[in-house]
PDB file of N, CA and C in Angstrom:
ATOM      1  N   MET A   1      -5.003  31.411 -42.966  1.00  0.00           N
ATOM      2  CA  MET A   1      -3.775  30.521 -42.622  1.00  0.00           C
ATOM      3  C   MET A   1      -3.445  30.163 -44.242  1.00  0.00           C
ATOM      4  N   LEU A   2      -2.135  30.215 -44.380  1.00  0.00           N
ATOM      5  CA  LEU A   2      -1.354  30.116 -45.558  1.00  0.00           C
ATOM      6  C   LEU A   2      -0.423  28.978 -45.360  1.00  0.00           C
ATOM      7  N   TYR A   3      -0.663  27.884 -46.256  1.00  0.00           N
ATOM      8  CA  TYR A   3       0.318  26.821 -46.302  1.00  0.00           C
ATOM      9  C   TYR A   3       1.130  26.849 -47.311  1.00  0.00           C
ATOM     10  N   ILE A   4       2.542  26.980 -46.948  1.00  0.00           N
ATOM     11  CA  ILE A   4       3.419  26.836 -48.044  1.00  0.00           C
ATOM     12  C   ILE A   4       4.199  25.546 -47.982  1.00  0.00           C
ATOM     13  N   VAL A   5       4.022  24.915 -49.146  1.00  0.00           N
ATOM     14  CA  VAL A   5       4.503  23.372 -49.127  1.00  0.00           C
ATOM     15  C   VAL A   5       5.782  23.503 -49.962  1.00  0.00           C
ATOM     16  N   MET A   6       6.797  23.243 -49.550  1.00  0.00           N
ATOM     17  CA  MET A   6       8.023  23.287 -50.256  1.00  0.00           C
ATOM     18  C   MET A   6       8.850  21.987 -50.341  1.00  0.00           C
ATOM     19  N   SER A   7       8.394  21.047 -49.469  1.00  0.00           N
ATOM     20  CA  SER A   7       9.069  19.655 -49.175  1.00  0.00           C
ATOM     21  C   SER A   7       8.866  18.904 -50.430  1.00  0.00           C
ATOM     22  N   GLY A   8       9.958  18.077 -50.950  1.00  0.00           N
ATOM     23  CA  GLY A   8       9.778  17.307 -52.265  1.00  0.00           C
ATOM     24  C   GLY A   8      10.199  15.881 -51.766  1.00  0.00           C
ATOM     25  N   LYS A   9      10.845  15.357 -52.686  1.00  0.00           N
ATOM     26  CA  LYS A   9      11.290  13.927 -52.289  1.00  0.00           C
ATOM     27  C   LYS A   9      12.203  13.606 -51.190  1.00  0.00           C
ATOM     28  N   GLU A  10      12.939  14.742 -50.605  1.00  0.00           N
ATOM     29  CA  GLU A  10      13.849  14.659 -49.665  1.00  0.00           C
ATOM     30  C   GLU A  10      12.949  14.681 -48.411  1.00  0.00           C
ATOM     31  N   ALA A  11      11.675  14.904 -48.415  1.00  0.00           N
ATOM     32  CA  ALA A  11      10.897  14.911 -47.290  1.00  0.00           C
ATOM     33  C   ALA A  11       9.370  14.660 -47.480  1.00  0.00           C
ATOM     34  N   GLU A  12       9.175  13.466 -48.161  1.00  0.00           N
ATOM     35  CA  GLU A  12       7.768  13.211 -48.646  1.00  0.00           C
ATOM     36  C   GLU A  12       6.841  13.173 -47.525  1.00  0.00           C
ATOM     37  N   GLN A  13       7.305  12.726 -46.476  1.00  0.00           N
ATOM     38  CA  GLN A  13       6.354  12.698 -45.184  1.00  0.00           C
ATOM     39  C   GLN A  13       5.971  14.012 -44.957  1.00  0.00           C
ATOM     40  N   ARG A  14       6.553  15.066 -44.923  1.00  0.00           N
ATOM     41  CA  ARG A  14       6.209  16.465 -44.750  1.00  0.00           C
ATOM     42  C   ARG A  14       5.209  16.860 -45.576  1.00  0.00           C
ATOM     43  N   PHE A  15       5.509  16.525 -46.947  1.00  0.00           N
ATOM     44  CA  PHE A  15       4.413  16.790 -47.987  1.00  0.00           C
ATOM     45  C   PHE A  15       3.147  16.316 -47.784  1.00  0.00           C
ATOM     46  N   ASP A  16       3.247  14.888 -47.427  1.00  0.00           N
ATOM     47  CA  ASP A  16       1.904  14.364 -46.974  1.00  0.00           C
ATOM     48  C   ASP A  16       1.120  15.034 -45.978  1.00  0.00           C
ATOM     49  N   MET A  17       2.026  15.215 -44.792  1.00  0.00           N
ATOM     50  CA  MET A  17       1.351  15.840 -43.556  1.00  0.00           C
ATOM     51  C   MET A  17       0.772  17.179 -43.942  1.00  0.00           C
ATOM     52  N   ALA A  18       1.306  18.040 -44.907  1.00  0.00           N
ATOM     53  CA  ALA A  18       0.665  19.262 -45.117  1.00  0.00           C
ATOM     54  C   ALA A  18      -0.459  18.908 -45.836  1.00  0.00           C
ATOM     55  N   LEU A  19      -0.770  17.927 -46.746  1.00  0.00           N
ATOM     56  CA  LEU A  19      -1.845  17.451 -47.616  1.00  0.00           C
ATOM     57  C   LEU A  19      -2.992  17.125 -46.425  1.00  0.00           C
ATOM     58  N   ILE A  20      -2.571  16.132 -45.640  1.00  0.00           N
ATOM     59  CA  ILE A  20      -3.654  15.597 -44.593  1.00  0.00           C
ATOM     60  C   ILE A  20      -4.220  16.835 -43.831  1.00  0.00           C
ATOM     61  N   SER A  21      -3.332  17.544 -43.147  1.00  0.00           N
ATOM     62  CA  SER A  21      -3.716  18.677 -42.381  1.00  0.00           C
ATOM     63  C   SER A  21      -4.457  19.639 -43.017  1.00  0.00           C
ATOM     64  N   ALA A  22      -4.073  20.101 -44.112  1.00  0.00           N
ATOM     65  CA  ALA A  22      -4.733  21.224 -44.886  1.00  0.00           C
ATOM     66  C   ALA A  22      -6.364  20.606 -45.146  1.00  0.00           C
ATOM     67  N   THR A  23      -6.476  19.158 -45.616  1.00  0.00           N
ATOM     68  CA  THR A  23      -7.762  18.720 -45.806  1.00  0.00           C
ATOM     69  C   THR A  23      -8.533  18.726 -44.536  1.00  0.00           C
ATOM     70  N   ARG A  24      -8.183  18.343 -43.459  1.00  0.00           N
ATOM     71  CA  ARG A  24      -8.766  18.234 -42.209  1.00  0.00           C
ATOM     72  C   ARG A  24      -9.324  19.724 -41.848  1.00  0.00           C
ATOM     73  N   ILE A  25      -8.511  20.637 -41.878  1.00  0.00           N
ATOM     74  CA  ILE A  25      -8.754  22.163 -41.547  1.00  0.00           C
ATOM     75  C   ILE A  25      -9.725  22.552 -42.488  1.00  0.00           C
ATOM     76  N   ALA A  26      -9.792  22.333 -43.812  1.00  0.00           N
ATOM     77  CA  ALA A  26     -10.621  22.867 -44.500  1.00  0.00           C
ATOM     78  C   ALA A  26     -11.996  22.097 -44.507  1.00  0.00           C
ATOM     79  N   GLU A  27     -11.953  20.884 -44.388  1.00  0.00           N
ATOM     80  CA  GLU A  27     -13.293  20.181 -44.247  1.00  0.00           C
ATOM     81  C   GLU A  27     -13.928  20.411 -43.108  1.00  0.00           C
ATOM     82  N   ASN A  28     -13.222  20.691 -41.927  1.00  0.00           N
ATOM     83  CA  ASN A  28     -13.999  20.970 -40.635  1.00  0.00           C
ATOM     84  C   ASN A  28     -14.058  22.449 -40.365  1.00  0.00           C
ATOM     85  N   LYS A  29     -13.630  23.275 -41.302  1.00  0.00           N
ATOM     86  CA  LYS A  29     -13.694  24.624 -41.285  1.00  0.00           C
ATOM     87  C   LYS A  29     -13.138  25.283 -39.990  1.00  0.00           C
ATOM     88  N   MET A  30     -11.835  24.715 -39.811  1.00  0.00           N
ATOM     89  CA  MET A  30     -11.412  25.302 -38.476  1.00  0.00           C
ATOM     90  C   MET A  30     -10.756  26.773 -38.563  1.00  0.00           C
ATOM     91  N   VAL A  31     -10.493  27.239 -39.666  1.00  0.00           N
ATOM     92  CA  VAL A  31     -10.262  28.528 -39.809  1.00  0.00           C
ATOM     93  C   VAL A  31     -10.967  29.231 -40.960  1.00  0.00           C
ATOM     94  N   GLU A  32     -11.129  30.463 -41.041  1.00  0.00           N
ATOM     95  CA  GLU A  32     -12.004  31.069 -41.833  1.00  0.00           C
ATOM     96  C   GLU A  32     -11.580  30.935 -43.149  1.00  0.00           C
ATOM     97  N   ASN A  33     -10.307  31.023 -43.730  1.00  0.00           N
ATOM     98  CA  ASN A  33      -9.749  30.928 -44.835  1.00  0.00           C
ATOM     99  C   ASN A  33      -8.381  30.130 -44.789  1.00  0.00           C
ATOM    100  N   LEU A  34      -8.125  29.198 -45.808  1.00  0.00           N
ATOM    101  CA  LEU A  34      -7.043  28.380 -45.815  1.00  0.00           C
ATOM    102  C   LEU A  34      -6.448  28.309 -47.194  1.00  0.00           C
ATOM    103  N   LYS A  35      -5.436  28.809 -47.737  1.00  0.00           N
ATOM    104  CA  LYS A  35      -4.949  28.684 -49.093  1.00  0.00           C
ATOM    105  C   LYS A  35      -3.508  27.991 -48.985  1.00  0.00           C
ATOM    106  N   VAL A  36      -3.187  27.200 -50.026  1.00  0.00           N
ATOM    107  CA  VAL A  36      -2.040  26.467 -49.999  1.00  0.00           C
ATOM    108  C   VAL A  36      -1.152  26.846 -51.201  1.00  0.00           C
ATOM    109  N   LEU A  37      -0.030  27.127 -51.107  1.00  0.00           N
ATOM    110  CA  LEU A  37       0.880  27.481 -52.296  1.00  0.00           C
ATOM    111  C   LEU A  37       2.002  26.521 -52.196  1.00  0.00           C
ATOM    112  N   PHE A  38       2.332  26.098 -53.578  1.00  0.00           N
ATOM    113  CA  PHE A  38       3.338  25.004 -53.713  1.00  0.00           C
ATOM    114  C   PHE A  38       4.470  25.660 -54.312  1.00  0.00           C
ATOM    115  N   PHE A  39       5.583  25.351 -53.734  1.00  0.00           N
ATOM    116  CA  PHE A  39       6.837  25.982 -54.208  1.00  0.00           C
ATOM    117  C   PHE A  39       8.033  25.012 -54.222  1.00  0.00           C
ATOM    118  N   GLY A  40       9.065  25.115 -55.353  1.00  0.00           N
ATOM    119  CA  GLY A  40      10.013  24.371 -55.107  1.00  0.00           C
ATOM    120  C   GLY A  40       9.990  22.977 -55.401  1.00  0.00           C
ATOM    121  N   PRO A  41      10.716  22.053 -54.788  1.00  0.00           N
ATOM    122  CA  PRO A  41      10.673  20.657 -54.850  1.00  0.00           C
ATOM    123  C   PRO A  41       9.329  19.983 -54.496  1.00  0.00           C
ATOM    124  N   SER A  42       8.509  20.546 -53.970  1.00  0.00           N
ATOM    125  CA  SER A  42       7.031  19.991 -53.689  1.00  0.00           C
ATOM    126  C   SER A  42       6.246  20.112 -55.198  1.00  0.00           C
ATOM    127  N   GLU A  43       6.612  20.863 -56.042  1.00  0.00           N
ATOM    128  CA  GLU A  43       5.865  20.756 -57.298  1.00  0.00           C
ATOM    129  C   GLU A  43       6.160  19.472 -58.140  1.00  0.00           C
ATOM    130  N   LEU A  44       7.309  19.000 -57.904  1.00  0.00           N
ATOM    131  CA  LEU A  44       7.655  17.611 -58.755  1.00  0.00           C
ATOM    132  C   LEU A  44       6.751  16.633 -58.143  1.00  0.00           C
ATOM    133  N   LEU A  45       6.711  16.467 -56.759  1.00  0.00           N
ATOM    134  CA  LEU A  45       5.839  15.656 -56.098  1.00  0.00           C
ATOM    135  C   LEU A  45       4.487  15.806 -56.573  1.00  0.00           C
ATOM    136  N   LEU A  46       3.979  16.959 -56.537  1.00  0.00           N
ATOM    137  CA  LEU A  46       2.586  17.280 -57.057  1.00  0.00           C
ATOM    138  C   LEU A  46       2.209  17.039 -58.426  1.00  0.00           C
ATOM    139  N   SER A  47       3.311  17.189 -59.233  1.00  0.00           N
ATOM    140  CA  SER A  47       2.999  16.592 -60.832  1.00  0.00           C
ATOM    141  C   SER A  47       2.963  15.154 -60.935  1.00  0.00           C
ATOM    142  N   GLN A  48       3.730  14.339 -60.010  1.00  0.00           N
ATOM    143  CA  GLN A  48       3.740  12.940 -60.322  1.00  0.00           C
ATOM    144  C   GLN A  48       2.936  12.153 -59.106  1.00  0.00           C
ATOM    145  N   ALA A  49       2.081  12.759 -58.471  1.00  0.00           N
ATOM    146  CA  ALA A  49       1.101  12.409 -57.538  1.00  0.00           C
ATOM    147  C   ALA A  49       0.209  11.251 -57.950  1.00  0.00           C
ATOM    148  N   THR A  50       0.254  10.017 -57.583  1.00  0.00           N
ATOM    149  CA  THR A  50      -0.673   9.010 -57.740  1.00  0.00           C
ATOM    150  C   THR A  50      -1.286   8.507 -56.371  1.00  0.00           C
ATOM    151  N   GLY A  51      -2.376   7.619 -56.632  1.00  0.00           N
ATOM    152  CA  GLY A  51      -2.991   6.869 -55.680  1.00  0.00           C
ATOM    153  C   GLY A  51      -3.777   7.859 -54.525  1.00  0.00           C
ATOM    154  N   GLU A  52      -3.320   7.544 -53.404  1.00  0.00           N
ATOM    155  CA  GLU A  52      -3.756   8.421 -52.245  1.00  0.00           C
ATOM    156  C   GLU A  52      -3.453   9.717 -52.275  1.00  0.00           C
ATOM    157  N   ARG A  53      -2.162   9.984 -52.692  1.00  0.00           N
ATOM    158  CA  ARG A  53      -1.710  11.355 -52.575  1.00  0.00           C
ATOM    159  C   ARG A  53      -2.457  12.130 -53.698  1.00  0.00           C
ATOM    160  N   ALA A  54      -2.698  11.579 -54.807  1.00  0.00           N
ATOM    161  CA  ALA A  54      -3.480  12.296 -55.913  1.00  0.00           C
ATOM    162  C   ALA A  54      -4.969  12.627 -55.583  1.00  0.00           C
ATOM    163  N   GLU A  55      -5.537  11.764 -54.782  1.00  0.00           N
ATOM    164  CA  GLU A  55      -6.731  11.905 -54.245  1.00  0.00           C
ATOM    165  C   GLU A  55      -6.870  13.030 -53.298  1.00  0.00           C
ATOM    166  N   LYS A  56      -5.856  13.146 -52.499  1.00  0.00           N
ATOM    167  CA  LYS A  56      -5.873  14.294 -51.457  1.00  0.00           C
ATOM    168  C   LYS A  56      -5.614  15.623 -52.190  1.00  0.00           C
ATOM    169  N   ILE A  57      -4.893  15.761 -53.108  1.00  0.00           N
ATOM    170  CA  ILE A  57      -4.565  16.993 -53.933  1.00  0.00           C
ATOM    171  C   ILE A  57      -5.896  17.172 -54.563  1.00  0.00           C
ATOM    172  N   LYS A  58      -6.670  16.196 -55.238  1.00  0.00           N
ATOM    173  CA  LYS A  58      -7.825  16.497 -55.791  1.00  0.00           C
ATOM    174  C   LYS A  58      -8.847  17.050 -55.027  1.00  0.00           C
ATOM    175  N   LYS A  59      -8.809  16.475 -53.774  1.00  0.00           N
ATOM    176  CA  LYS A  59      -9.890  17.031 -52.775  1.00  0.00           C
ATOM    177  C   LYS A  59      -9.594  18.454 -52.362  1.00  0.00           C
ATOM    178  N   LEU A  60      -8.312  18.773 -52.191  1.00  0.00           N
ATOM    179  CA  LEU A  60      -8.062  20.087 -51.692  1.00  0.00           C
ATOM    180  C   LEU A  60      -8.219  21.165 -52.931  1.00  0.00           C
ATOM    181  N   ILE A  61      -8.267  20.743 -54.102  1.00  0.00           N
ATOM    182  CA  ILE A  61      -8.759  21.568 -55.266  1.00  0.00           C
ATOM    183  C   ILE A  61     -10.085  21.846 -55.129  1.00  0.00           C
ATOM    184  N   GLU A  62     -10.836  20.627 -55.042  1.00  0.00           N
ATOM    185  CA  GLU A  62     -12.271  20.675 -54.916  1.00  0.00           C
ATOM    186  C   GLU A  62     -12.814  21.575 -53.628  1.00  0.00           C
ATOM    187  N   LEU A  63     -11.983  21.658 -52.518  1.00  0.00           N
ATOM    188  CA  LEU A  63     -12.322  22.378 -51.494  1.00  0.00           C
ATOM    189  C   LEU A  63     -11.947  23.937 -51.734  1.00  0.00           C
ATOM    190  N   GLY A  64     -11.287  24.129 -52.786  1.00  0.00           N
ATOM    191  CA  GLY A  64     -10.967  25.536 -53.064  1.00  0.00           C
ATOM    192  C   GLY A  64      -9.747  25.946 -52.389  1.00  0.00           C
ATOM    193  N   VAL A  65      -9.036  25.285 -51.607  1.00  0.00           N
ATOM    194  CA  VAL A  65      -7.867  26.027 -50.915  1.00  0.00           C
ATOM    195  C   VAL A  65      -6.430  25.786 -51.677  1.00  0.00           C
ATOM    196  N   VAL A  66      -6.403  25.184 -52.723  1.00  0.00           N
ATOM    197  CA  VAL A  66      -5.208  25.375 -53.452  1.00  0.00           C
ATOM    198  C   VAL A  66      -4.988  26.517 -54.200  1.00  0.00           C
ATOM    199  N   ASP A  67      -4.203  27.496 -53.925  1.00  0.00           N
ATOM    200  CA  ASP A  67      -4.152  28.727 -54.702  1.00  0.00           C
ATOM    201  C   ASP A  67      -3.069  28.531 -55.925  1.00  0.00           C
ATOM    202  N   SER A  68      -2.188  28.099 -55.747  1.00  0.00           N
ATOM    203  CA  SER A  68      -1.288  28.045 -56.998  1.00  0.00           C
ATOM    204  C   SER A  68       0.161  27.170 -56.725  1.00  0.00           C
ATOM    205  N   ALA A  69       0.802  26.992 -57.790  1.00  0.00           N
ATOM    206  CA  ALA A  69       2.084  26.685 -57.802  1.00  0.00           C
ATOM    207  C   ALA A  69       3.125  27.696 -58.545  1.00  0.00           C
ATOM    208  N   CYS A  70       4.271  27.788 -58.097  1.00  0.00           N
ATOM    209  CA  CYS A  70       5.345  28.701 -58.881  1.00  0.00           C
ATOM    210  C   CYS A  70       5.492  28.297 -60.305  1.00  0.00           C
ATOM    211  N   VAL A  71       5.012  29.275 -61.159  1.00  0.00           N
ATOM    212  CA  VAL A  71       5.004  29.143 -62.696  1.00  0.00           C
ATOM    213  C   VAL A  71       6.745  28.810 -63.136  1.00  0.00           C
ATOM    214  N   MET A  72       7.598  29.666 -62.527  1.00  0.00           N
ATOM    215  CA  MET A  72       9.055  29.634 -62.939  1.00  0.00           C
ATOM    216  C   MET A  72       9.564  28.155 -62.465  1.00  0.00           C
ATOM    217  N   ILE A  73       9.242  27.750 -61.317  1.00  0.00           N
ATOM    218  CA  ILE A  73       9.677  26.278 -60.886  1.00  0.00           C
ATOM    219  C   ILE A  73       9.233  25.191 -61.936  1.00  0.00           C
ATOM    220  N   ALA A  74       7.736  25.409 -62.253  1.00  0.00           N
ATOM    221  CA  ALA A  74       7.329  24.465 -63.027  1.00  0.00           C
ATOM    222  C   ALA A  74       7.836  24.643 -64.309  1.00  0.00           C
ATOM    223  N   LYS A  75       8.256  25.532 -65.035  1.00  0.00           N
ATOM    224  CA  LYS A  75       8.655  25.931 -66.504  1.00  0.00           C
ATOM    225  C   LYS A  75      10.249  25.302 -66.192  1.00  0.00           C
ATOM    226  N   ASN A  76      10.921  25.474 -65.089  1.00  0.00           N
ATOM    227  CA  ASN A  76      12.300  24.993 -65.005  1.00  0.00           C
ATOM    228  C   ASN A  76      12.266  23.515 -64.768  1.00  0.00           C
ATOM    229  N   MET A  77      11.504  22.846 -64.273  1.00  0.00           N
ATOM    230  CA  MET A  77      11.339  21.335 -64.201  1.00  0.00           C
ATOM    231  C   MET A  77      10.501  20.774 -65.312  1.00  0.00           C
ATOM    232  N   ASN A  78       9.963  21.442 -66.244  1.00  0.00           N
ATOM    233  CA  ASN A  78       9.146  21.047 -67.437  1.00  0.00           C
ATOM    234  C   ASN A  78       7.998  20.133 -67.008  1.00  0.00           C
ATOM    235  N   ILE A  79       7.376  20.817 -66.060  1.00  0.00           N
ATOM    236  CA  ILE A  79       6.069  20.128 -65.582  1.00  0.00           C
ATOM    237  C   ILE A  79       4.763  20.960 -65.564  1.00  0.00           C
ATOM    238  N   GLU A  80       4.778  21.991 -66.356  1.00  0.00           N
ATOM    239  CA  GLU A  80       3.668  22.847 -66.602  1.00  0.00           C
ATOM    240  C   GLU A  80       2.521  22.185 -67.043  1.00  0.00           C
ATOM    241  N   THR A  81       2.548  21.350 -67.917  1.00  0.00           N
ATOM    242  CA  THR A  81       1.397  20.732 -68.498  1.00  0.00           C
ATOM    243  C   THR A  81       0.827  19.693 -67.340  1.00  0.00           C
ATOM    244  N   GLU A  82       1.621  19.020 -66.642  1.00  0.00           N
ATOM    245  CA  GLU A  82       1.251  18.039 -65.620  1.00  0.00           C
ATOM    246  C   GLU A  82       0.342  18.899 -64.643  1.00  0.00           C
ATOM    247  N   LEU A  83       0.595  19.864 -64.156  1.00  0.00           N
ATOM    248  CA  LEU A  83       0.296  20.634 -63.198  1.00  0.00           C
ATOM    249  C   LEU A  83      -0.940  21.130 -63.549  1.00  0.00           C
ATOM    250  N   LYS A  84      -1.105  21.791 -64.835  1.00  0.00           N
ATOM    251  CA  LYS A  84      -2.243  22.361 -65.410  1.00  0.00           C
ATOM    252  C   LYS A  84      -3.392  21.329 -65.596  1.00  0.00           C
ATOM    253  N   THR A  85      -2.943  20.275 -66.001  1.00  0.00           N
ATOM    254  CA  THR A  85      -3.786  19.001 -66.110  1.00  0.00           C
ATOM    255  C   THR A  85      -4.541  18.599 -64.728  1.00  0.00           C
ATOM    256  N   ARG A  86      -3.850  18.657 -63.872  1.00  0.00           N
ATOM    257  CA  ARG A  86      -4.401  18.518 -62.432  1.00  0.00           C
ATOM    258  C   ARG A  86      -5.102  19.458 -61.927  1.00  0.00           C
ATOM    259  N   GLY A  87      -5.207  20.661 -62.523  1.00  0.00           N
ATOM    260  CA  GLY A  87      -6.112  21.747 -62.003  1.00  0.00           C
ATOM    261  C   GLY A  87      -5.524  22.857 -61.276  1.00  0.00           C
ATOM    262  N   ILE A  88      -4.066  22.706 -61.299  1.00  0.00           N
ATOM    263  CA  ILE A  88      -3.090  23.681 -60.466  1.00  0.00           C
ATOM    264  C   ILE A  88      -3.015  25.027 -61.170  1.00  0.00           C
ATOM    265  N   ASN A  89      -3.333  26.070 -60.654  1.00  0.00           N
ATOM    266  CA  ASN A  89      -3.103  27.454 -61.311  1.00  0.00           C
ATOM    267  C   ASN A  89      -1.702  27.599 -61.080  1.00  0.00           C
ATOM    268  N   LEU A  90      -0.918  28.229 -62.173  1.00  0.00           N
ATOM    269  CA  LEU A  90       0.474  28.477 -62.167  1.00  0.00           C
ATOM    270  C   LEU A  90       0.432  30.026 -62.027  1.00  0.00           C
ATOM    271  N   GLU A  91       1.230  30.528 -61.093  1.00  0.00           N
ATOM    272  CA  GLU A  91       1.509  32.095 -60.764  1.00  0.00           C
ATOM    273  C   GLU A  91       2.845  32.126 -60.260  1.00  0.00           C
ATOM    274  N   GLY A  92       3.177  33.454 -60.429  1.00  0.00           N
ATOM    275  CA  GLY A  92       4.492  33.810 -59.711  1.00  0.00           C
ATOM    276  C   GLY A  92       4.457  33.575 -58.154  1.00  0.00           C
ATOM    277  N   TYR A  93       5.338  32.802 -57.587  1.00  0.00           N
ATOM    278  CA  TYR A  93       5.365  32.543 -56.297  1.00  0.00           C
ATOM    279  C   TYR A  93       5.411  33.874 -55.307  1.00  0.00           C
ATOM    280  N   SER A  94       6.291  34.903 -55.603  1.00  0.00           N
ATOM    281  CA  SER A  94       6.489  35.982 -54.825  1.00  0.00           C
ATOM    282  C   SER A  94       5.483  36.940 -54.815  1.00  0.00           C
ATOM    283  N   SER A  95       4.704  37.106 -55.973  1.00  0.00           N
ATOM    284  CA  SER A  95       3.653  38.053 -56.027  1.00  0.00           C
ATOM    285  C   SER A  95       2.286  37.368 -55.132  1.00  0.00           C
ATOM    286  N   ARG A  96       2.259  36.149 -55.346  1.00  0.00           N
ATOM    287  CA  ARG A  96       1.220  35.385 -54.696  1.00  0.00           C
ATOM    288  C   ARG A  96       1.302  35.279 -53.170  1.00  0.00           C
ATOM    289  N   PHE A  97       2.623  35.100 -52.698  1.00  0.00           N
ATOM    290  CA  PHE A  97       2.848  35.208 -51.239  1.00  0.00           C
ATOM    291  C   PHE A  97       2.785  36.446 -50.681  1.00  0.00           C
ATOM    292  N   VAL A  98       3.319  37.463 -51.307  1.00  0.00           N
ATOM    293  CA  VAL A  98       2.986  38.895 -50.828  1.00  0.00           C
ATOM    294  C   VAL A  98       1.511  39.314 -50.896  1.00  0.00           C
ATOM    295  N   ALA A  99       0.808  38.855 -52.046  1.00  0.00           N
ATOM    296  CA  ALA A  99      -0.642  39.358 -51.956  1.00  0.00           C
ATOM    297  C   ALA A  99      -1.272  38.476 -50.772  1.00  0.00           C
ATOM    298  N   LEU A 100      -1.030  37.493 -50.468  1.00  0.00           N
ATOM    299  CA  LEU A 100      -1.841  36.744 -49.546  1.00  0.00           C
ATOM    300  C   LEU A 100      -1.403  37.130 -48.068  1.00  0.00           C
ATOM    301  N   LEU A 101      -0.162  37.548 -47.914  1.00  0.00           N
ATOM    302  CA  LEU A 101       0.180  38.165 -46.719  1.00  0.00           C
ATOM    303  C   LEU A 101      -0.490  39.541 -46.411  1.00  0.00           C
ATOM    304  N   GLY A 102      -0.555  40.171 -47.592  1.00  0.00           N
ATOM    305  CA  GLY A 102      -1.226  41.473 -47.308  1.00  0.00           C
ATOM    306  C   GLY A 102      -2.782  41.374 -47.044  1.00  0.00           C
ATOM    307  N   GLU A 103      -3.609  40.278 -47.379  1.00  0.00           N
ATOM    308  CA  GLU A 103      -4.898  39.975 -47.090  1.00  0.00           C
ATOM    309  C   GLU A 103      -4.908  39.476 -45.681  1.00  0.00           C
ATOM    310  N   GLY A 104      -3.724  39.347 -44.979  1.00  0.00           N
ATOM    311  CA  GLY A 104      -3.660  38.978 -43.652  1.00  0.00           C
ATOM    312  C   GLY A 104      -3.487  37.488 -43.341  1.00  0.00           C
ATOM    313  N   TYR A 105      -3.163  36.736 -44.327  1.00  0.00           N
ATOM    314  CA  TYR A 105      -2.800  35.314 -44.045  1.00  0.00           C
ATOM    315  C   TYR A 105      -1.687  34.992 -43.284  1.00  0.00           C
ATOM    316  N   THR A 106      -1.687  34.066 -42.466  1.00  0.00           N
ATOM    317  CA  THR A 106      -0.507  33.803 -41.478  1.00  0.00           C
ATOM    318  C   THR A 106       0.187  32.451 -42.242  1.00  0.00           C
ATOM    319  N   PRO A 107       1.473  32.730 -42.689  1.00  0.00           N
ATOM    320  CA  PRO A 107       2.163  31.424 -43.269  1.00  0.00           C
ATOM    321  C   PRO A 107       2.595  30.437 -42.173  1.00  0.00           C
ATOM    322  N   VAL A 108       2.520  29.061 -42.586  1.00  0.00           N
ATOM    323  CA  VAL A 108       2.869  27.988 -42.140  1.00  0.00           C
ATOM    324  C   VAL A 108       3.613  27.159 -43.222  1.00  0.00           C
ATOM    325  N   THR A 109       4.954  26.762 -42.794  1.00  0.00           N
ATOM    326  CA  THR A 109       5.643  25.935 -43.968  1.00  0.00           C
ATOM    327  C   THR A 109       5.867  24.435 -43.771  1.00  0.00           C
ATOM    328  N   PHE A 110       5.950  23.913 -44.881  1.00  0.00           N
ATOM    329  CA  PHE A 110       6.115  22.453 -44.838  1.00  0.00           C
ATOM    330  C   PHE A 110       6.955  22.043 -45.740  1.00  0.00           C
TER     331      PHE A 110
END
């Protein structure tokens, strides 16, 4: 399963739902493999996360399910340093998306 998280400040609830459900799926091993890609407006929320949201992101990284965030979006928003500091790998979104689809992941968008 491939979670593609694009929602930002315009839909913070959707962003948080992605974090909560991804954590539950990963912790309970409901699928064989789960990866999370962050793209677009979600990257700003990711870079500014505090409190419970930051803890959920940290947990997903520890569980090994956060694949990456889009490097070009991070550069355009000038948030590369914040994302890297949080342990988020920055990669080209299109190449990661295509590679994961090629590996058989099924996309789910938030």
